[in-house]
PDB file of N, CA and C in Angstrom:
ATOM      1  N   MET A   1       0.852  -1.174   0.000  1.00  0.00           N
ATOM      2  CA  MET A   1       0.000   0.000   0.000  1.00  0.00           C
ATOM      3  C   MET A   1       0.896   1.234   0.000  1.00  0.00           C
ATOM      4  N   LEU A   2       0.495   2.270  -0.791  1.00  0.00           N
ATOM      5  CA  LEU A   2       1.258   3.507  -0.861  1.00  0.00           C
ATOM      6  C   LEU A   2       1.034   4.324   0.400  1.00  0.00           C
ATOM      7  N   GLU A   3       2.066   5.062   0.791  1.00  0.00           N
ATOM      8  CA  GLU A   3       1.989   5.828   2.029  1.00  0.00           C
ATOM      9  C   GLU A   3       0.974   6.960   1.971  1.00  0.00           C
ATOM     10  N   ASN A   4       0.786   7.570   0.789  1.00  0.00           N
ATOM     11  CA  ASN A   4      -0.067   8.749   0.685  1.00  0.00           C
ATOM     12  C   ASN A   4      -1.537   8.435   0.458  1.00  0.00           C
ATOM     13  N   GLN A   5      -1.903   7.195   0.418  1.00  0.00           N
ATOM     14  CA  GLN A   5      -3.314   6.865   0.264  1.00  0.00           C
ATOM     15  C   GLN A   5      -3.984   6.923   1.623  1.00  0.00           C
ATOM     16  N   TRP A   6      -5.150   7.507   1.651  1.00  0.00           N
ATOM     17  CA  TRP A   6      -5.893   7.642   2.903  1.00  0.00           C
ATOM     18  C   TRP A   6      -7.240   6.966   2.766  1.00  0.00           C
ATOM     19  N   MET A   7      -7.652   6.386   3.765  1.00  0.00           N
ATOM     20  CA  MET A   7      -9.022   5.911   3.842  1.00  0.00           C
ATOM     21  C   MET A   7      -9.803   7.058   4.453  1.00  0.00           C
ATOM     22  N   MET A   8     -11.081   7.126   4.178  1.00  0.00           N
ATOM     23  CA  MET A   8     -11.856   8.236   4.678  1.00  0.00           C
ATOM     24  C   MET A   8     -11.747   8.358   6.195  1.00  0.00           C
ATOM     25  N   SER A   9     -11.781   7.281   6.857  1.00  0.00           N
ATOM     26  CA  SER A   9     -11.706   7.322   8.320  1.00  0.00           C
ATOM     27  C   SER A   9     -10.303   7.656   8.808  1.00  0.00           C
ATOM     28  N   ASP A  10      -9.290   7.494   7.951  1.00  0.00           N
ATOM     29  CA  ASP A  10      -7.912   7.771   8.339  1.00  0.00           C
ATOM     30  C   ASP A  10      -7.500   9.224   8.141  1.00  0.00           C
ATOM     31  N   LYS A  11      -8.300  10.002   7.438  1.00  0.00           N
ATOM     32  CA  LYS A  11      -7.903  11.373   7.110  1.00  0.00           C
ATOM     33  C   LYS A  11      -7.910  12.232   8.359  1.00  0.00           C
ATOM     34  N   PRO A  12      -6.941  13.130   8.434  1.00  0.00           N
ATOM     35  CA  PRO A  12      -6.957  14.081   9.549  1.00  0.00           C
ATOM     36  C   PRO A  12      -8.172  15.004   9.448  1.00  0.00           C
ATOM     37  N   ASP A  13      -8.555  15.623  10.539  1.00  0.00           N
ATOM     38  CA  ASP A  13      -9.703  16.540  10.546  1.00  0.00           C
ATOM     39  C   ASP A  13      -9.517  17.640   9.512  1.00  0.00           C
ATOM     40  N   GLY A  14     -10.609  18.025   8.871  1.00  0.00           N
ATOM     41  CA  GLY A  14     -10.558  19.104   7.890  1.00  0.00           C
ATOM     42  C   GLY A  14     -10.323  18.616   6.463  1.00  0.00           C
ATOM     43  N   GLU A  15      -9.900  17.380   6.296  1.00  0.00           N
ATOM     44  CA  GLU A  15      -9.711  16.846   4.943  1.00  0.00           C
ATOM     45  C   GLU A  15     -10.878  15.914   4.670  1.00  0.00           C
ATOM     46  N   ASP A  16     -11.788  16.338   3.817  1.00  0.00           N
ATOM     47  CA  ASP A  16     -13.020  15.609   3.617  1.00  0.00           C
ATOM     48  C   ASP A  16     -13.252  15.390   2.134  1.00  0.00           C
ATOM     49  N   ASP A  17     -13.427  14.170   1.699  1.00  0.00           N
ATOM     50  CA  ASP A  17     -13.704  13.871   0.290  1.00  0.00           C
ATOM     51  C   ASP A  17     -15.064  14.400  -0.146  1.00  0.00           C
ATOM     52  N   ALA A  18     -15.944  14.657   0.792  1.00  0.00           N
ATOM     53  CA  ALA A  18     -17.299  15.076   0.469  1.00  0.00           C
ATOM     54  C   ALA A  18     -17.377  16.558   0.104  1.00  0.00           C
ATOM     55  N   SER A  19     -16.293  17.292   0.261  1.00  0.00           N
ATOM     56  CA  SER A  19     -16.347  18.719  -0.061  1.00  0.00           C
ATOM     57  C   SER A  19     -16.504  18.900  -1.569  1.00  0.00           C
ATOM     58  N   VAL A  20     -17.264  19.896  -1.950  1.00  0.00           N
ATOM     59  CA  VAL A  20     -17.545  20.159  -3.350  1.00  0.00           C
ATOM     60  C   VAL A  20     -16.988  21.520  -3.719  1.00  0.00           C
ATOM     61  N   LEU A  21     -16.278  21.550  -4.822  1.00  0.00           N
ATOM     62  CA  LEU A  21     -15.792  22.836  -5.296  1.00  0.00           C
ATOM     63  C   LEU A  21     -16.874  23.451  -6.163  1.00  0.00           C
ATOM     64  N   VAL A  22     -17.249  24.637  -5.842  1.00  0.00           N
ATOM     65  CA  VAL A  22     -18.281  25.329  -6.605  1.00  0.00           C
ATOM     66  C   VAL A  22     -17.626  26.508  -7.298  1.00  0.00           C
ATOM     67  N   GLN A  23     -17.754  26.511  -8.592  1.00  0.00           N
ATOM     68  CA  GLN A  23     -17.198  27.627  -9.348  1.00  0.00           C
ATOM     69  C   GLN A  23     -18.313  28.652  -9.526  1.00  0.00           C
ATOM     70  N   THR A  24     -18.088  29.848  -9.020  1.00  0.00           N
ATOM     71  CA  THR A  24     -19.112  30.874  -9.140  1.00  0.00           C
ATOM     72  C   THR A  24     -18.745  31.829 -10.256  1.00  0.00           C
ATOM     73  N   ARG A  25     -19.734  32.185 -10.997  1.00  0.00           N
ATOM     74  CA  ARG A  25     -19.550  33.175 -12.056  1.00  0.00           C
ATOM     75  C   ARG A  25     -19.917  34.530 -11.502  1.00  0.00           C
ATOM     76  N   PRO A  26     -19.157  35.551 -11.864  1.00  0.00           N
ATOM     77  CA  PRO A  26     -19.573  36.888 -11.410  1.00  0.00           C
ATOM     78  C   PRO A  26     -20.894  37.247 -12.093  1.00  0.00           C
ATOM     79  N   LYS A  27     -21.773  37.854 -11.324  1.00  0.00           N
ATOM     80  CA  LYS A  27     -23.064  38.248 -11.902  1.00  0.00           C
ATOM     81  C   LYS A  27     -22.843  39.429 -12.832  1.00  0.00           C
ATOM     82  N   THR A  28     -23.328  39.281 -14.043  1.00  0.00           N
ATOM     83  CA  THR A  28     -23.185  40.387 -14.990  1.00  0.00           C
ATOM     84  C   THR A  28     -24.421  41.257 -14.902  1.00  0.00           C
ATOM     85  N   LYS A  29     -24.187  42.549 -14.837  1.00  0.00           N
ATOM     86  CA  LYS A  29     -25.299  43.490 -14.787  1.00  0.00           C
ATOM     87  C   LYS A  29     -25.727  43.828 -16.197  1.00  0.00           C
ATOM     88  N   ARG A  30     -27.011  43.970 -16.385  1.00  0.00           N
ATOM     89  CA  ARG A  30     -27.510  44.412 -17.690  1.00  0.00           C
ATOM     90  C   ARG A  30     -27.067  45.852 -17.889  1.00  0.00           C
ATOM     91  N   PRO A  31     -26.726  46.188 -19.134  1.00  0.00           N
ATOM     92  CA  PRO A  31     -26.333  47.580 -19.373  1.00  0.00           C
ATOM     93  C   PRO A  31     -27.534  48.501 -19.145  1.00  0.00           C
ATOM     94  N   PRO A  32     -27.274  49.722 -18.721  1.00  0.00           N
ATOM     95  CA  PRO A  32     -28.394  50.640 -18.477  1.00  0.00           C
ATOM     96  C   PRO A  32     -29.124  50.974 -19.765  1.00  0.00           C
ATOM     97  N   LEU A  33     -30.395  51.259 -19.636  1.00  0.00           N
ATOM     98  CA  LEU A  33     -31.205  51.650 -20.786  1.00  0.00           C
ATOM     99  C   LEU A  33     -31.398  53.161 -20.776  1.00  0.00           C
ATOM    100  N   TYR A  34     -31.680  53.698 -21.956  1.00  0.00           N
ATOM    101  CA  TYR A  34     -31.832  55.145 -22.114  1.00  0.00           C
ATOM    102  C   TYR A  34     -33.151  55.456 -22.796  1.00  0.00           C
ATOM    103  N   LYS A  35     -33.848  56.451 -22.230  1.00  0.00           N
ATOM    104  CA  LYS A  35     -35.098  56.925 -22.822  1.00  0.00           C
ATOM    105  C   LYS A  35     -34.748  57.959 -23.883  1.00  0.00           C
ATOM    106  N   VAL A  36     -35.396  57.836 -25.030  1.00  0.00           N
ATOM    107  CA  VAL A  36     -35.270  58.861 -26.070  1.00  0.00           C
ATOM    108  C   VAL A  36     -36.500  59.750 -25.949  1.00  0.00           C
ATOM    109  N   LEU A  37     -36.256  61.057 -25.824  1.00  0.00           N
ATOM    110  CA  LEU A  37     -37.326  62.024 -25.588  1.00  0.00           C
ATOM    111  C   LEU A  37     -37.451  62.980 -26.761  1.00  0.00           C
ATOM    112  N   LEU A  38     -38.661  63.295 -27.115  1.00  0.00           N
ATOM    113  CA  LEU A  38     -38.943  64.295 -28.136  1.00  0.00           C
ATOM    114  C   LEU A  38     -39.513  65.509 -27.415  1.00  0.00           C
ATOM    115  N   LEU A  39     -38.983  66.699 -27.738  1.00  0.00           N
ATOM    116  CA  LEU A  39     -39.390  67.925 -27.061  1.00  0.00           C
ATOM    117  C   LEU A  39     -40.247  68.787 -27.977  1.00  0.00           C
ATOM    118  N   ASN A  40     -41.210  69.442 -27.382  1.00  0.00           N
ATOM    119  CA  ASN A  40     -42.103  70.310 -28.145  1.00  0.00           C
ATOM    120  C   ASN A  40     -41.427  71.640 -28.478  1.00  0.00           C
ATOM    121  N   ASP A  41     -41.819  72.207 -29.601  1.00  0.00           N
ATOM    122  CA  ASP A  41     -41.432  73.580 -29.936  1.00  0.00           C
ATOM    123  C   ASP A  41     -42.615  74.201 -30.666  1.00  0.00           C
ATOM    124  N   ASP A  42     -42.554  75.499 -30.882  1.00  0.00           N
ATOM    125  CA  ASP A  42     -43.687  76.201 -31.494  1.00  0.00           C
ATOM    126  C   ASP A  42     -43.617  76.263 -33.017  1.00  0.00           C
ATOM    127  N   TYR A  43     -42.618  75.622 -33.622  1.00  0.00           N
ATOM    128  CA  TYR A  43     -42.409  75.797 -35.059  1.00  0.00           C
ATOM    129  C   TYR A  43     -42.486  74.524 -35.886  1.00  0.00           C
ATOM    130  N   THR A  44     -42.105  73.397 -35.326  1.00  0.00           N
ATOM    131  CA  THR A  44     -42.109  72.149 -36.101  1.00  0.00           C
ATOM    132  C   THR A  44     -43.547  71.695 -36.337  1.00  0.00           C
ATOM    133  N   PRO A  45     -43.916  71.463 -37.594  1.00  0.00           N
ATOM    134  CA  PRO A  45     -45.286  71.011 -37.883  1.00  0.00           C
ATOM    135  C   PRO A  45     -45.576  69.640 -37.264  1.00  0.00           C
ATOM    136  N   MET A  46     -46.796  69.468 -36.833  1.00  0.00           N
ATOM    137  CA  MET A  46     -47.210  68.193 -36.220  1.00  0.00           C
ATOM    138  C   MET A  46     -47.025  67.035 -37.184  1.00  0.00           C
ATOM    139  N   GLU A  47     -47.308  67.262 -38.456  1.00  0.00           N
ATOM    140  CA  GLU A  47     -47.178  66.205 -39.469  1.00  0.00           C
ATOM    141  C   GLU A  47     -45.724  65.733 -39.577  1.00  0.00           C
ATOM    142  N   PHE A  48     -44.797  66.669 -39.415  1.00  0.00           N
ATOM    143  CA  PHE A  48     -43.378  66.312 -39.481  1.00  0.00           C
ATOM    144  C   PHE A  48     -43.007  65.415 -38.300  1.00  0.00           C
ATOM    145  N   VAL A  49     -43.508  65.741 -37.127  1.00  0.00           N
ATOM    146  CA  VAL A  49     -43.239  64.936 -35.932  1.00  0.00           C
ATOM    147  C   VAL A  49     -43.795  63.522 -36.116  1.00  0.00           C
ATOM    148  N   VAL A  50     -45.001  63.421 -36.647  1.00  0.00           N
ATOM    149  CA  VAL A  50     -45.602  62.109 -36.916  1.00  0.00           C
ATOM    150  C   VAL A  50     -44.713  61.326 -37.886  1.00  0.00           C
ATOM    151  N   HIS A  51     -44.248  61.989 -38.934  1.00  0.00           N
ATOM    152  CA  HIS A  51     -43.383  61.338 -39.918  1.00  0.00           C
ATOM    153  C   HIS A  51     -42.090  60.829 -39.265  1.00  0.00           C
ATOM    154  N   VAL A  52     -41.482  61.631 -38.408  1.00  0.00           N
ATOM    155  CA  VAL A  52     -40.253  61.238 -37.700  1.00  0.00           C
ATOM    156  C   VAL A  52     -40.501  59.993 -36.848  1.00  0.00           C
ATOM    157  N   LEU A  53     -41.600  59.974 -36.138  1.00  0.00           N
ATOM    158  CA  LEU A  53     -41.919  58.833 -35.274  1.00  0.00           C
ATOM    159  C   LEU A  53     -42.152  57.557 -36.079  1.00  0.00           C
ATOM    160  N   GLU A  54     -42.803  57.686 -37.212  1.00  0.00           N
ATOM    161  CA  GLU A  54     -43.026  56.522 -38.079  1.00  0.00           C
ATOM    162  C   GLU A  54     -41.704  56.037 -38.665  1.00  0.00           C
ATOM    163  N   ARG A  55     -40.914  56.969 -39.156  1.00  0.00           N
ATOM    164  CA  ARG A  55     -39.684  56.625 -39.875  1.00  0.00           C
ATOM    165  C   ARG A  55     -38.574  56.085 -38.969  1.00  0.00           C
ATOM    166  N   PHE A  56     -38.325  56.739 -37.841  1.00  0.00           N
ATOM    167  CA  PHE A  56     -37.180  56.372 -37.011  1.00  0.00           C
ATOM    168  C   PHE A  56     -37.519  55.475 -35.820  1.00  0.00           C
ATOM    169  N   PHE A  57     -38.800  55.385 -35.474  1.00  0.00           N
ATOM    170  CA  PHE A  57     -39.167  54.579 -34.320  1.00  0.00           C
ATOM    171  C   PHE A  57     -40.155  53.468 -34.665  1.00  0.00           C
ATOM    172  N   GLY A  58     -40.436  53.305 -35.957  1.00  0.00           N
ATOM    173  CA  GLY A  58     -41.259  52.194 -36.420  1.00  0.00           C
ATOM    174  C   GLY A  58     -42.686  52.191 -35.921  1.00  0.00           C
ATOM    175  N   MET A  59     -43.208  53.357 -35.614  1.00  0.00           N
ATOM    176  CA  MET A  59     -44.584  53.431 -35.101  1.00  0.00           C
ATOM    177  C   MET A  59     -45.591  53.431 -36.250  1.00  0.00           C
ATOM    178  N   THR A  60     -46.778  52.948 -35.940  1.00  0.00           N
ATOM    179  CA  THR A  60     -47.873  53.079 -36.893  1.00  0.00           C
ATOM    180  C   THR A  60     -48.294  54.545 -36.914  1.00  0.00           C
ATOM    181  N   HIS A  61     -49.093  54.910 -37.891  1.00  0.00           N
ATOM    182  CA  HIS A  61     -49.553  56.291 -37.970  1.00  0.00           C
ATOM    183  C   HIS A  61     -50.344  56.670 -36.703  1.00  0.00           C
ATOM    184  N   ALA A  62     -51.191  55.751 -36.241  1.00  0.00           N
ATOM    185  CA  ALA A  62     -52.010  56.017 -35.045  1.00  0.00           C
ATOM    186  C   ALA A  62     -51.133  56.194 -33.804  1.00  0.00           C
ATOM    187  N   GLU A  63     -50.126  55.318 -33.630  1.00  0.00           N
ATOM    188  CA  GLU A  63     -49.215  55.434 -32.483  1.00  0.00           C
ATOM    189  C   GLU A  63     -48.446  56.757 -32.539  1.00  0.00           C
ATOM    190  N   ALA A  64     -47.935  57.066 -33.729  1.00  0.00           N
ATOM    191  CA  ALA A  64     -47.156  58.295 -33.909  1.00  0.00           C
ATOM    192  C   ALA A  64     -48.018  59.527 -33.625  1.00  0.00           C
ATOM    193  N   PHE A  65     -49.256  59.492 -34.062  1.00  0.00           N
ATOM    194  CA  PHE A  65     -50.166  60.613 -33.843  1.00  0.00           C
ATOM    195  C   PHE A  65     -50.406  60.820 -32.343  1.00  0.00           C
ATOM    196  N   GLU A  66     -50.611  59.719 -31.607  1.00  0.00           N
ATOM    197  CA  GLU A  66     -50.828  59.803 -30.154  1.00  0.00           C
ATOM    198  C   GLU A  66     -49.611  60.388 -29.444  1.00  0.00           C
ATOM    199  N   ILE A  67     -48.426  59.918 -29.796  1.00  0.00           N
ATOM    200  CA  ILE A  67     -47.196  60.434 -29.170  1.00  0.00           C
ATOM    201  C   ILE A  67     -47.007  61.910 -29.519  1.00  0.00           C
ATOM    202  N   MET A  68     -47.263  62.267 -30.764  1.00  0.00           N
ATOM    203  CA  MET A  68     -47.144  63.666 -31.192  1.00  0.00           C
ATOM    204  C   MET A  68     -48.060  64.551 -30.350  1.00  0.00           C
ATOM    205  N   LEU A  69     -49.287  64.096 -30.091  1.00  0.00           N
ATOM    206  CA  LEU A  69     -50.213  64.874 -29.256  1.00  0.00           C
ATOM    207  C   LEU A  69     -49.689  65.005 -27.825  1.00  0.00           C
ATOM    208  N   THR A  70     -49.071  63.955 -27.314  1.00  0.00           N
ATOM    209  CA  THR A  70     -48.478  64.016 -25.971  1.00  0.00           C
ATOM    210  C   THR A  70     -47.364  65.057 -25.939  1.00  0.00           C
ATOM    211  N   VAL A  71     -46.504  65.038 -26.952  1.00  0.00           N
ATOM    212  CA  VAL A  71     -45.424  66.028 -27.032  1.00  0.00           C
ATOM    213  C   VAL A  71     -46.027  67.430 -27.080  1.00  0.00           C
ATOM    214  N   HIS A  72     -47.045  67.597 -27.889  1.00  0.00           N
ATOM    215  CA  HIS A  72     -47.685  68.900 -28.067  1.00  0.00           C
ATOM    216  C   HIS A  72     -48.321  69.403 -26.767  1.00  0.00           C
ATOM    217  N   LYS A  73     -49.013  68.510 -26.062  1.00  0.00           N
ATOM    218  CA  LYS A  73     -49.739  68.909 -24.851  1.00  0.00           C
ATOM    219  C   LYS A  73     -48.852  69.004 -23.608  1.00  0.00           C
ATOM    220  N   LYS A  74     -47.924  68.068 -23.466  1.00  0.00           N
ATOM    221  CA  LYS A  74     -47.113  68.006 -22.240  1.00  0.00           C
ATOM    222  C   LYS A  74     -45.715  68.594 -22.404  1.00  0.00           C
ATOM    223  N   GLY A  75     -45.319  68.852 -23.646  1.00  0.00           N
ATOM    224  CA  GLY A  75     -44.005  69.444 -23.880  1.00  0.00           C
ATOM    225  C   GLY A  75     -42.891  68.446 -24.109  1.00  0.00           C
ATOM    226  N   VAL A  76     -43.137  67.190 -23.754  1.00  0.00           N
ATOM    227  CA  VAL A  76     -42.116  66.144 -23.922  1.00  0.00           C
ATOM    228  C   VAL A  76     -42.804  64.780 -23.879  1.00  0.00           C
ATOM    229  N   ALA A  77     -42.208  63.816 -24.565  1.00  0.00           N
ATOM    230  CA  ALA A  77     -42.713  62.438 -24.494  1.00  0.00           C
ATOM    231  C   ALA A  77     -41.566  61.475 -24.730  1.00  0.00           C
ATOM    232  N   VAL A  78     -41.636  60.335 -24.055  1.00  0.00           N
ATOM    233  CA  VAL A  78     -40.680  59.256 -24.290  1.00  0.00           C
ATOM    234  C   VAL A  78     -41.133  58.546 -25.565  1.00  0.00           C
ATOM    235  N   VAL A  79     -40.220  58.437 -26.523  1.00  0.00           N
ATOM    236  CA  VAL A  79     -40.577  57.796 -27.798  1.00  0.00           C
ATOM    237  C   VAL A  79     -39.951  56.416 -27.946  1.00  0.00           C
ATOM    238  N   GLY A  80     -39.124  56.024 -26.984  1.00  0.00           N
ATOM    239  CA  GLY A  80     -38.524  54.691 -27.004  1.00  0.00           C
ATOM    240  C   GLY A  80     -37.492  54.552 -25.904  1.00  0.00           C
ATOM    241  N   VAL A  81     -37.172  53.299 -25.580  1.00  0.00           N
ATOM    242  CA  VAL A  81     -36.153  52.993 -24.580  1.00  0.00           C
ATOM    243  C   VAL A  81     -35.186  52.004 -25.211  1.00  0.00           C
ATOM    244  N   PHE A  82     -33.898  52.351 -25.204  1.00  0.00           N
ATOM    245  CA  PHE A  82     -32.903  51.585 -25.932  1.00  0.00           C
ATOM    246  C   PHE A  82     -31.593  51.499 -25.159  1.00  0.00           C
ATOM    247  N   SER A  83     -30.689  50.672 -25.672  1.00  0.00           N
ATOM    248  CA  SER A  83     -29.325  50.665 -25.144  1.00  0.00           C
ATOM    249  C   SER A  83     -28.702  52.021 -25.480  1.00  0.00           C
ATOM    250  N   HIS A  84     -27.587  52.348 -24.847  1.00  0.00           N
ATOM    251  CA  HIS A  84     -26.946  53.649 -25.056  1.00  0.00           C
ATOM    252  C   HIS A  84     -26.641  53.907 -26.526  1.00  0.00           C
ATOM    253  N   GLU A  85     -26.037  52.934 -27.197  1.00  0.00           N
ATOM    254  CA  GLU A  85     -25.621  53.120 -28.588  1.00  0.00           C
ATOM    255  C   GLU A  85     -26.810  53.359 -29.511  1.00  0.00           C
ATOM    256  N   ILE A  86     -27.862  52.581 -29.320  1.00  0.00           N
ATOM    257  CA  ILE A  86     -29.045  52.727 -30.185  1.00  0.00           C
ATOM    258  C   ILE A  86     -29.738  54.055 -29.900  1.00  0.00           C
ATOM    259  N   ALA A  87     -29.869  54.415 -28.626  1.00  0.00           N
ATOM    260  CA  ALA A  87     -30.497  55.697 -28.267  1.00  0.00           C
ATOM    261  C   ALA A  87     -29.718  56.846 -28.883  1.00  0.00           C
ATOM    262  N   GLU A  88     -28.402  56.793 -28.773  1.00  0.00           N
ATOM    263  CA  GLU A  88     -27.546  57.840 -29.324  1.00  0.00           C
ATOM    264  C   GLU A  88     -27.722  57.958 -30.845  1.00  0.00           C
ATOM    265  N   THR A  89     -27.806  56.818 -31.497  1.00  0.00           N
ATOM    266  CA  THR A  89     -28.010  56.797 -32.954  1.00  0.00           C
ATOM    267  C   THR A  89     -29.358  57.402 -33.318  1.00  0.00           C
ATOM    268  N   LYS A  90     -30.408  57.006 -32.607  1.00  0.00           N
ATOM    269  CA  LYS A  90     -31.754  57.534 -32.888  1.00  0.00           C
ATOM    270  C   LYS A  90     -31.793  59.054 -32.710  1.00  0.00           C
ATOM    271  N   VAL A  91     -31.210  59.543 -31.634  1.00  0.00           N
ATOM    272  CA  VAL A  91     -31.183  60.992 -31.378  1.00  0.00           C
ATOM    273  C   VAL A  91     -30.471  61.696 -32.530  1.00  0.00           C
ATOM    274  N   GLY A  92     -29.339  61.170 -32.939  1.00  0.00           N
ATOM    275  CA  GLY A  92     -28.586  61.762 -34.053  1.00  0.00           C
ATOM    276  C   GLY A  92     -29.367  61.768 -35.348  1.00  0.00           C
ATOM    277  N   GLN A  93     -30.038  60.665 -35.636  1.00  0.00           N
ATOM    278  CA  GLN A  93     -30.833  60.568 -36.869  1.00  0.00           C
ATOM    279  C   GLN A  93     -31.960  61.600 -36.879  1.00  0.00           C
ATOM    280  N   VAL A  94     -32.663  61.708 -35.762  1.00  0.00           N
ATOM    281  CA  VAL A  94     -33.783  62.650 -35.679  1.00  0.00           C
ATOM    282  C   VAL A  94     -33.282  64.087 -35.814  1.00  0.00           C
ATOM    283  N   MET A  95     -32.216  64.405 -35.100  1.00  0.00           N
ATOM    284  CA  MET A  95     -31.680  65.769 -35.138  1.00  0.00           C
ATOM    285  C   MET A  95     -31.185  66.129 -36.543  1.00  0.00           C
ATOM    286  N   ASP A  96     -30.485  65.223 -37.192  1.00  0.00           N
ATOM    287  CA  ASP A  96     -30.006  65.474 -38.560  1.00  0.00           C
ATOM    288  C   ASP A  96     -31.167  65.656 -39.529  1.00  0.00           C
ATOM    289  N   PHE A  97     -32.168  64.784 -39.413  1.00  0.00           N
ATOM    290  CA  PHE A  97     -33.335  64.855 -40.296  1.00  0.00           C
ATOM    291  C   PHE A  97     -34.076  66.176 -40.104  1.00  0.00           C
ATOM    292  N   ALA A  98     -34.262  66.589 -38.858  1.00  0.00           N
ATOM    293  CA  ALA A  98     -34.958  67.849 -38.569  1.00  0.00           C
ATOM    294  C   ALA A  98     -34.170  69.033 -39.130  1.00  0.00           C
ATOM    295  N   ARG A  99     -32.867  69.022 -38.936  1.00  0.00           N
ATOM    296  CA  ARG A  99     -32.020  70.113 -39.456  1.00  0.00           C
ATOM    297  C   ARG A  99     -32.085  70.189 -40.979  1.00  0.00           C
ATOM    298  N   ARG A 100     -32.007  69.027 -41.621  1.00  0.00           N
ATOM    299  CA  ARG A 100     -32.067  69.000 -43.097  1.00  0.00           C
ATOM    300  C   ARG A 100     -33.374  69.571 -43.620  1.00  0.00           C
ATOM    301  N   HIS A 101     -34.435  69.407 -42.827  1.00  0.00           N
ATOM    302  CA  HIS A 101     -35.746  69.931 -43.229  1.00  0.00           C
ATOM    303  C   HIS A 101     -36.032  71.288 -42.589  1.00  0.00           C
ATOM    304  N   GLN A 102     -35.023  71.878 -41.993  1.00  0.00           N
ATOM    305  CA  GLN A 102     -35.076  73.212 -41.401  1.00  0.00           C
ATOM    306  C   GLN A 102     -36.151  73.358 -40.322  1.00  0.00           C
ATOM    307  N   HIS A 103     -36.214  72.320 -39.452  1.00  0.00           N
ATOM    308  CA  HIS A 103     -37.124  72.371 -38.305  1.00  0.00           C
ATOM    309  C   HIS A 103     -36.287  72.353 -37.024  1.00  0.00           C
ATOM    310  N   PRO A 104     -36.730  73.071 -35.999  1.00  0.00           N
ATOM    311  CA  PRO A 104     -35.969  73.123 -34.731  1.00  0.00           C
ATOM    312  C   PRO A 104     -36.285  71.982 -33.759  1.00  0.00           C
ATOM    313  N   LEU A 105     -36.875  70.911 -34.264  1.00  0.00           N
ATOM    314  CA  LEU A 105     -37.248  69.778 -33.416  1.00  0.00           C
ATOM    315  C   LEU A 105     -36.041  69.298 -32.608  1.00  0.00           C
ATOM    316  N   GLN A 106     -36.262  69.078 -31.309  1.00  0.00           N
ATOM    317  CA  GLN A 106     -35.203  68.612 -30.416  1.00  0.00           C
ATOM    318  C   GLN A 106     -35.501  67.203 -29.928  1.00  0.00           C
ATOM    319  N   CYS A 107     -34.457  66.396 -29.918  1.00  0.00           N
ATOM    320  CA  CYS A 107     -34.555  65.016 -29.445  1.00  0.00           C
ATOM    321  C   CYS A 107     -33.374  64.792 -28.511  1.00  0.00           C
ATOM    322  N   THR A 108     -33.647  64.239 -27.351  1.00  0.00           N
ATOM    323  CA  THR A 108     -32.579  63.998 -26.373  1.00  0.00           C
ATOM    324  C   THR A 108     -32.714  62.590 -25.807  1.00  0.00           C
ATOM    325  N   MET A 109     -31.751  62.240 -24.976  1.00  0.00           N
ATOM    326  CA  MET A 109     -31.827  60.935 -24.299  1.00  0.00           C
ATOM    327  C   MET A 109     -31.414  61.114 -22.855  1.00  0.00           C
ATOM    328  N   GLU A 110     -31.960  60.255 -21.997  1.00  0.00           N
ATOM    329  CA  GLU A 110     -31.549  60.279 -20.598  1.00  0.00           C
ATOM    330  C   GLU A 110     -31.594  58.856 -20.060  1.00  0.00           C
ATOM    331  N   ARG A 111     -30.713  58.596 -19.126  1.00  0.00           N
ATOM    332  CA  ARG A 111     -30.621  57.271 -18.539  1.00  0.00           C
ATOM    333  C   ARG A 111     -31.905  56.939 -17.784  1.00  0.00           C
ATOM    334  N   GLU A 112     -32.374  55.726 -17.987  1.00  0.00           N
ATOM    335  CA  GLU A 112     -33.582  55.290 -17.293  1.00  0.00           C
ATOM    336  C   GLU A 112     -33.210  54.885 -15.869  1.00  0.00           C
ATOM    337  N   GLU A 113     -33.953  55.367 -14.914  1.00  0.00           N
ATOM    338  CA  GLU A 113     -33.657  55.057 -13.497  1.00  0.00           C
ATOM    339  C   GLU A 113     -34.418  53.856 -13.063  1.00  0.00           C
TER     340      GLU A 113
END
């Protein structure tokens, strides 16, 4: 018999074959989401806002019309919630499109709490 072989009953205290090694994975946090907001102004036509919502946010005409009315009445509305990169892209697209059409429409993003 080899010297280093142990029977379970022969092992010194603290050395236990029944112990299990558990490998833990670090918990990954979901990346934060960002709300894309459309702001009201006194110059951008309502039809243009509806068009922007349909084109860049994939809304139906009815959905876009409802959001446009919210922007008009409340001054601001959330038009979508996205990852940082997508929100940033959407804001840029809307702002560029509005500028090209000479409208002062403002679109911003803020981290969702």
